[in-house]
Amino acid sequence: MEEAKDVIVLGAIRRGEKKFDKIQRATKIDPDELNSILEKLEERGFIVVEEKKGWLGKKIELKVTEKGSNELDQRLHEVQEKWNQMQALYQKGDKEKLKGFMDDNRSFLPMMMFFGIMDMMMFSMMFSMMGATMGDYVPAESMPEGADGAMDDGGMGGGMDDGGFDIDIGF
């Protein structure tokens, strides 16, 4: 499961988004792509599709399996480790290594944002230390509201707790 979007979709489902349209809204992945990601997750046994009978006929709900939950925990642990490495390089003031590390781990950045693993203030300070902007690393649609690299509101407008990031990883 190397695809960042797969991890994000799995995370959205585990967080309680059980229906296609809700998953789509939470992840901002276009419906066709989301469909193929869900098929892959189901093939791998990470999610199950449950049909429930409701008042208005059948309802389809998606649930994360134990295997899927373990996979997600493993991936989140990996992403957390990468964030810790980035912070350590930043604190050492090692611009070159930090830049190299970020270049090598671009695909993890949107996951860090989606799951609220990264500290947006620290993240923007890393960019200014490197003389880069967030836009050099993160596609605009993946950035939290108001995170244009300058973060003139002190980074407080990122809305870290609502998980409402626009994630569309086009790397």
C-alpha atoms as a PDB file:
ATOM      1  CA  MET A   1       0.000   0.000   0.000  1.00  0.00           C
ATOM      2  CA  GLU A   2       2.479   2.598  -1.151  1.00  0.00           C
ATOM      3  CA  GLU A   3      -0.047   4.998  -2.565  1.00  0.00           C
ATOM      4  CA  ALA A   4      -0.683   7.948  -0.236  1.00  0.00           C
ATOM      5  CA  LYS A   5      -4.279   8.304  -1.419  1.00  0.00           C
ATOM      6  CA  ASP A   6      -5.033   4.700  -0.439  1.00  0.00           C
ATOM      7  CA  VAL A   7      -3.863   5.426   3.095  1.00  0.00           C
ATOM      8  CA  ILE A   8      -5.918   8.625   3.233  1.00  0.00           C
ATOM      9  CA  VAL A   9      -9.075   6.848   2.017  1.00  0.00           C
ATOM     10  CA  LEU A  10      -8.543   4.042   4.538  1.00  0.00           C
ATOM     11  CA  GLY A  11      -8.096   6.656   7.257  1.00  0.00           C
ATOM     12  CA  ALA A  12     -11.287   8.464   6.274  1.00  0.00           C
ATOM     13  CA  ILE A  13     -13.256   5.206   6.444  1.00  0.00           C
ATOM     14  CA  ARG A  14     -11.782   4.280   9.817  1.00  0.00           C
ATOM     15  CA  ARG A  15     -12.642   7.752  11.055  1.00  0.00           C
ATOM     16  CA  GLY A  16     -16.296   7.018  10.335  1.00  0.00           C
ATOM     17  CA  GLU A  17     -16.943   8.006   6.704  1.00  0.00           C
ATOM     18  CA  LYS A  18     -18.908   4.935   5.617  1.00  0.00           C
ATOM     19  CA  LYS A  19     -20.567   6.121   2.418  1.00  0.00           C
ATOM     20  CA  PHE A  20     -18.984   6.881  -0.937  1.00  0.00           C
ATOM     21  CA  ASP A  21     -20.091  10.525  -1.108  1.00  0.00           C
ATOM     22  CA  LYS A  22     -18.860  11.239   2.423  1.00  0.00           C
ATOM     23  CA  ILE A  23     -15.487   9.613   1.735  1.00  0.00           C
ATOM     24  CA  GLN A  24     -15.297  11.597  -1.484  1.00  0.00           C
ATOM     25  CA  ARG A  25     -16.055  14.864   0.338  1.00  0.00           C
ATOM     26  CA  ALA A  26     -13.528  14.152   3.096  1.00  0.00           C
ATOM     27  CA  THR A  27     -10.707  13.164   0.733  1.00  0.00           C
ATOM     28  CA  LYS A  28     -11.489  15.390  -2.305  1.00  0.00           C
ATOM     29  CA  ILE A  29     -10.557  12.532  -4.638  1.00  0.00           C
ATOM     30  CA  ASP A  30     -12.517  12.422  -7.877  1.00  0.00           C
ATOM     31  CA  PRO A  31     -15.217   9.715  -7.979  1.00  0.00           C
ATOM     32  CA  ASP A  32     -13.626   7.484 -10.648  1.00  0.00           C
ATOM     33  CA  GLU A  33     -10.288   7.424  -8.897  1.00  0.00           C
ATOM     34  CA  LEU A  34     -11.948   6.910  -5.522  1.00  0.00           C
ATOM     35  CA  ASN A  35     -13.850   3.970  -6.957  1.00  0.00           C
ATOM     36  CA  SER A  36     -10.657   2.268  -8.109  1.00  0.00           C
ATOM     37  CA  ILE A  37      -8.940   2.954  -4.756  1.00  0.00           C
ATOM     38  CA  LEU A  38     -11.900   1.395  -2.913  1.00  0.00           C
ATOM     39  CA  GLU A  39     -11.757  -1.647  -5.208  1.00  0.00           C
ATOM     40  CA  LYS A  40      -8.031  -2.050  -4.484  1.00  0.00           C
ATOM     41  CA  LEU A  41      -8.598  -1.721  -0.734  1.00  0.00           C
ATOM     42  CA  GLU A  42     -11.356  -4.326  -0.888  1.00  0.00           C
ATOM     43  CA  GLU A  43      -9.221  -6.727  -2.984  1.00  0.00           C
ATOM     44  CA  ARG A  44      -6.455  -6.484  -0.411  1.00  0.00           C
ATOM     45  CA  GLY A  45      -8.915  -7.222   2.378  1.00  0.00           C
ATOM     46  CA  PHE A  46      -8.442  -3.810   4.030  1.00  0.00           C
ATOM     47  CA  ILE A  47     -12.129  -2.882   3.800  1.00  0.00           C
ATOM     48  CA  VAL A  48     -15.421  -4.751   3.511  1.00  0.00           C
ATOM     49  CA  VAL A  49     -18.557  -3.595   1.788  1.00  0.00           C
ATOM     50  CA  GLU A  50     -21.690  -4.172   3.850  1.00  0.00           C
ATOM     51  CA  GLU A  51     -25.178  -4.008   2.452  1.00  0.00           C
ATOM     52  CA  LYS A  52     -27.735  -2.949   5.011  1.00  0.00           C
ATOM     53  CA  LYS A  53     -31.444  -2.917   4.515  1.00  0.00           C
ATOM     54  CA  GLY A  54     -32.933   0.402   5.462  1.00  0.00           C
ATOM     55  CA  TRP A  55     -36.334   2.056   5.105  1.00  0.00           C
ATOM     56  CA  LEU A  56     -35.503   3.175   1.608  1.00  0.00           C
ATOM     57  CA  GLY A  57     -33.997  -0.060   0.320  1.00  0.00           C
ATOM     58  CA  LYS A  58     -30.383  -1.100   0.445  1.00  0.00           C
ATOM     59  CA  LYS A  59     -27.627   1.013   1.929  1.00  0.00           C
ATOM     60  CA  ILE A  60     -24.017   0.287   1.201  1.00  0.00           C
ATOM     61  CA  GLU A  61     -21.516   0.974   3.939  1.00  0.00           C
ATOM     62  CA  LEU A  62     -17.769   0.540   3.987  1.00  0.00           C
ATOM     63  CA  LYS A  63     -15.898  -0.715   7.021  1.00  0.00           C
ATOM     64  CA  VAL A  64     -12.211  -1.142   7.739  1.00  0.00           C
ATOM     65  CA  THR A  65     -11.178  -4.722   8.527  1.00  0.00           C
ATOM     66  CA  GLU A  66      -8.726  -5.610  11.273  1.00  0.00           C
ATOM     67  CA  LYS A  67      -6.114  -6.175   8.563  1.00  0.00           C
ATOM     68  CA  GLY A  68      -6.868  -2.713   7.157  1.00  0.00           C
ATOM     69  CA  SER A  69      -6.697  -1.128  10.581  1.00  0.00           C
ATOM     70  CA  ASN A  70      -3.316  -2.740  11.291  1.00  0.00           C
ATOM     71  CA  GLU A  71      -2.024  -1.596   7.900  1.00  0.00           C
ATOM     72  CA  LEU A  72      -3.215   1.950   8.622  1.00  0.00           C
ATOM     73  CA  ASP A  73      -1.546   1.978  12.044  1.00  0.00           C
ATOM     74  CA  GLN A  74       1.696   0.791  10.466  1.00  0.00           C
ATOM     75  CA  ARG A  75       1.526   3.485   7.790  1.00  0.00           C
ATOM     76  CA  LEU A  76       0.710   6.218  10.311  1.00  0.00           C
ATOM     77  CA  HIS A  77       3.639   5.072  12.445  1.00  0.00           C
ATOM     78  CA  GLU A  78       5.897   5.387   9.370  1.00  0.00           C
ATOM     79  CA  VAL A  79       4.581   8.867   8.598  1.00  0.00           C
ATOM     80  CA  GLN A  80       5.061   9.909  12.245  1.00  0.00           C
ATOM     81  CA  GLU A  81       8.668   8.655  12.100  1.00  0.00           C
ATOM     82  CA  LYS A  82       9.292  10.694   8.950  1.00  0.00           C
ATOM     83  CA  TRP A  83       7.870  13.788  10.640  1.00  0.00           C
ATOM     84  CA  ASN A  84      10.150  13.179  13.641  1.00  0.00           C
ATOM     85  CA  GLN A  85      13.156  12.935  11.290  1.00  0.00           C
ATOM     86  CA  MET A  86      12.162  16.190   9.587  1.00  0.00           C
ATOM     87  CA  GLN A  87      11.868  17.928  12.961  1.00  0.00           C
ATOM     88  CA  ALA A  88      15.273  16.617  14.063  1.00  0.00           C
ATOM     89  CA  LEU A  89      16.933  17.893  10.861  1.00  0.00           C
ATOM     90  CA  TYR A  90      15.200  21.246  11.297  1.00  0.00           C
ATOM     91  CA  GLN A  91      16.351  21.543  14.900  1.00  0.00           C
ATOM     92  CA  LYS A  92      19.946  20.774  13.872  1.00  0.00           C
ATOM     93  CA  GLY A  93      19.639  23.566  11.323  1.00  0.00           C
ATOM     94  CA  ASP A  94      20.737  21.219   8.532  1.00  0.00           C
ATOM     95  CA  LYS A  95      19.121  22.897   5.517  1.00  0.00           C
ATOM     96  CA  GLU A  96      20.600  20.591   2.873  1.00  0.00           C
ATOM     97  CA  LYS A  97      19.643  17.351   4.620  1.00  0.00           C
ATOM     98  CA  LEU A  98      16.152  18.659   5.395  1.00  0.00           C
ATOM     99  CA  LYS A  99      15.631  19.659   1.786  1.00  0.00           C
ATOM    100  CA  GLY A 100      16.909  16.289   0.562  1.00  0.00           C
ATOM    101  CA  PHE A 101      14.702  14.439   3.018  1.00  0.00           C
ATOM    102  CA  MET A 102      11.640  16.434   1.973  1.00  0.00           C
ATOM    103  CA  ASP A 103      12.432  15.865  -1.697  1.00  0.00           C
ATOM    104  CA  ASP A 104      12.647  12.120  -1.087  1.00  0.00           C
ATOM    105  CA  ASN A 105       9.471  12.018   0.987  1.00  0.00           C
ATOM    106  CA  ARG A 106       7.133  14.357  -0.880  1.00  0.00           C
ATOM    107  CA  SER A 107       4.389  11.751  -1.082  1.00  0.00           C
ATOM    108  CA  PHE A 108       4.166  11.652   2.711  1.00  0.00           C
ATOM    109  CA  LEU A 109       3.498  15.375   3.176  1.00  0.00           C
ATOM    110  CA  PRO A 110      -0.217  15.317   2.248  1.00  0.00           C
ATOM    111  CA  MET A 111      -0.691  12.286   4.540  1.00  0.00           C
ATOM    112  CA  MET A 112       0.971  14.179   7.385  1.00  0.00           C
ATOM    113  CA  MET A 113      -1.489  17.011   6.776  1.00  0.00           C
ATOM    114  CA  PHE A 114      -4.575  14.823   6.395  1.00  0.00           C
ATOM    115  CA  PHE A 115      -3.930  12.935   9.624  1.00  0.00           C
ATOM    116  CA  GLY A 116      -2.829  16.037  11.533  1.00  0.00           C
ATOM    117  CA  ILE A 117       0.599  14.537  12.231  1.00  0.00           C
ATOM    118  CA  MET A 118       2.559  17.622  11.304  1.00  0.00           C
ATOM    119  CA  ASP A 119       2.648  20.850  13.216  1.00  0.00           C
ATOM    120  CA  MET A 120       1.808  23.526  10.631  1.00  0.00           C
ATOM    121  CA  MET A 121       3.824  26.228  12.403  1.00  0.00           C
ATOM    122  CA  MET A 122       6.911  24.026  12.509  1.00  0.00           C
ATOM    123  CA  PHE A 123       6.269  22.973   8.902  1.00  0.00           C
ATOM    124  CA  SER A 124       6.175  26.560   7.672  1.00  0.00           C
ATOM    125  CA  MET A 125       9.328  27.377   9.676  1.00  0.00           C
ATOM    126  CA  MET A 126      11.085  24.501   7.901  1.00  0.00           C
ATOM    127  CA  PHE A 127      10.172  26.052   4.575  1.00  0.00           C
ATOM    128  CA  SER A 128      11.420  29.482   5.516  1.00  0.00           C
ATOM    129  CA  MET A 129      14.678  27.988   6.795  1.00  0.00           C
ATOM    130  CA  MET A 130      15.169  26.312   3.410  1.00  0.00           C
ATOM    131  CA  GLY A 131      14.115  29.443   1.562  1.00  0.00           C
ATOM    132  CA  ALA A 132      11.255  27.475   0.001  1.00  0.00           C
ATOM    133  CA  THR A 133       7.498  27.844   0.135  1.00  0.00           C
ATOM    134  CA  MET A 134       4.956  25.191   0.940  1.00  0.00           C
ATOM    135  CA  GLY A 135       3.844  25.424  -2.685  1.00  0.00           C
ATOM    136  CA  ASP A 136       7.229  24.034  -3.742  1.00  0.00           C
ATOM    137  CA  TYR A 137       6.322  20.759  -2.037  1.00  0.00           C
ATOM    138  CA  VAL A 138       2.586  20.528  -1.593  1.00  0.00           C
ATOM    139  CA  PRO A 139       0.055  20.987  -4.393  1.00  0.00           C
ATOM    140  CA  ALA A 140      -2.200  23.962  -3.693  1.00  0.00           C
ATOM    141  CA  GLU A 141      -5.303  21.820  -3.347  1.00  0.00           C
ATOM    142  CA  SER A 142      -3.638  19.801  -0.560  1.00  0.00           C
ATOM    143  CA  MET A 143      -2.906  22.808   1.606  1.00  0.00           C
ATOM    144  CA  PRO A 144      -5.068  23.779   4.538  1.00  0.00           C
ATOM    145  CA  GLU A 145      -7.019  27.002   4.052  1.00  0.00           C
ATOM    146  CA  GLY A 146      -4.811  30.059   4.186  1.00  0.00           C
ATOM    147  CA  ALA A 147      -1.527  28.158   4.066  1.00  0.00           C
ATOM    148  CA  ASP A 148       0.088  29.966   1.176  1.00  0.00           C
ATOM    149  CA  GLY A 149       3.595  29.609   2.527  1.00  0.00           C
ATOM    150  CA  ALA A 150       3.545  33.043   4.169  1.00  0.00           C
ATOM    151  CA  MET A 151       1.061  32.067   6.883  1.00  0.00           C
ATOM    152  CA  ASP A 152       0.446  35.669   7.852  1.00  0.00           C
ATOM    153  CA  ASP A 153      -2.061  34.608  10.499  1.00  0.00           C
ATOM    154  CA  GLY A 154       0.689  32.939  12.469  1.00  0.00           C
ATOM    155  CA  GLY A 155      -0.438  29.580  11.151  1.00  0.00           C
ATOM    156  CA  MET A 156      -3.494  29.522  13.358  1.00  0.00           C
ATOM    157  CA  GLY A 157      -5.944  29.429  10.459  1.00  0.00           C
ATOM    158  CA  GLY A 158      -4.918  25.938   9.401  1.00  0.00           C
ATOM    159  CA  GLY A 159      -7.866  24.305  11.173  1.00  0.00           C
ATOM    160  CA  MET A 160      -5.797  21.300  12.241  1.00  0.00           C
ATOM    161  CA  ASP A 161      -8.530  19.664  14.263  1.00  0.00           C
ATOM    162  CA  ASP A 162     -11.303  19.386  11.711  1.00  0.00           C
ATOM    163  CA  GLY A 163      -9.425  17.102   9.331  1.00  0.00           C
ATOM    164  CA  GLY A 164     -10.994  19.032   6.465  1.00  0.00           C
ATOM    165  CA  PHE A 165      -7.980  19.100   4.201  1.00  0.00           C
ATOM    166  CA  ASP A 166      -8.203  19.113   0.462  1.00  0.00           C
ATOM    167  CA  ILE A 167      -6.018  16.202  -0.495  1.00  0.00           C
ATOM    168  CA  ASP A 168      -5.250  15.508  -4.088  1.00  0.00           C
ATOM    169  CA  ILE A 169      -1.801  14.110  -4.464  1.00  0.00           C
ATOM    170  CA  GLY A 170      -0.595  14.528  -7.987  1.00  0.00           C
ATOM    171  CA  PHE A 171       3.056  13.639  -7.593  1.00  0.00           C
END
